[in-house]
Amino acid sequence: MSGTRHNLAAKATLLILPLVMYAALYLLPLISIGSLSVDNGELSDRFSRLSAHFGTDAPVDDAAAVALLADLQGMDSRDRAEAGRMFNQEKQGFRSLLIDTGKAAGDIPPTLDGLTAFDPRWGEPSWWEVLERNVEPVTWRHVQKATGIKPDGQGGFGIAPGDDIYLRILVRTFVIAGQVTLLTLLLGYPLAYAVANGTPRVRAVVLMAVLLSFWTSILVRTTAWVVLLQTNGLLNGLLIRLGIIAEPLQLIFNRFGTVVAMTHVLLPFAILPMMNVMRTIPAAQTDASRSLGAGPVETFLRVYFPQTLRGAAVGGGTVFILALGFYVTPALTGGPGDQMLSYYIADFVKKGLNWGMASVLSLMLLASVILMLLIGLLVRRLAGWRRQGV
């Protein structure tokens, strides 16, 4: 009996092991991103004495000056430059101030007056406030900068004008994703219908065109749209030759170019789910509706179309989620006011080397998607209760 129990336990372990591994591989990156968004160990470790001083709520006095000078002397020139770069993200001029102070730290009298005599900026409270906010092990500065929600100085929180820039970019990201989703559904539905219900020749041509999109790089397709839509491109040239327009239209590096290129790239992801659902609808249902006196339009709207909504929901949801994370296509075809949140996440990682801000913006996008899904589930649940008369 014991051997049988051991065998069952081993089999059960093997069955749940893939699920545990999947959960671990999925959750660990999220936990890592979450920790990066508030982690300030890189600065806190370098300014350990100053961090301990501010941790006791002590004022900016000679003891703070001693701690600062000791921390700067304990760093090499590379560490001082890196710390200055991080402080520079909040207040310009900090990098040069720390580098110069660090070089002369051994000759500066270890007092607040000595620091002020070396550089008058050390006598201004604003520079010390930046230090105090940024030398703690855990920081909320990235969250505050990303959301715009900051202390208002009166014990509360508020959003100052202009500080909500990343919230507006987040809204813009959802708007562009929604526009692309709507267009892919409008264009993809008749194409999916043609594949599911057309003649063999029509099915083959449309399906081949859809599948060819998967065999072409996103970068190549996006670059092709740049060539087509630019001022001296093929489309403007054709419209001018036909006499439709007198001057070239601005079709690229704006919202139009972004939406058109993203729609082309994501169109197959809307077509395939709708096509698969349409293929499962028996043709006998349409024939029965027509035999009972319904016309082709009424048959389509009351019999066929409602059954395809499941495929439209799957395709639209897939396109929407994929569009939220698009980076290459908006970067190449959009203007400054058409970049999505992923552009700024990549910019913080590659140019600013600010992993904290990139992590917070990523979590903002993730949280927004989760909230949207929860609202959708709630609406669906309420609709189900209403149909059941609960």
Foldseek 3Di string as FASTA:
>chain_A
DVVVVVVVVVVVCVVCVVVVVVCCVVVVVLVVLVCLQWFQCLQQVLQVQLQVCVVVVDDPWLSNLLSLLVSLQVDDLVSLQVNQLVLCVVPNPSNVLSNVCSVCSVVFPSTLVSSCVVPVVSVDVVVVVSVSQRNHRTHCVLVCQQCQWDDPVPPHTDHDPPSRVNVVLQVLLLVLLVLLLVVLLVVQQVLLVCLQDNDPVSVVVSVVVLVVLVVDDLLVLLVVLCQQQPQPHDVQVVCCVVVVDVGGDNCFQASNSLSVSLSVNLNSLLNVLLNVQLNPQDPVQLVVCVVVPDDPVCSCVPPPVVSSVVSSVRSSVVSSVVSSQDANNCVGTHHPVNGHLNPVLVCCVPPVVSSNNSSSSVVVSVVVVVVVVVVVVVVVVVVVCVVVVD
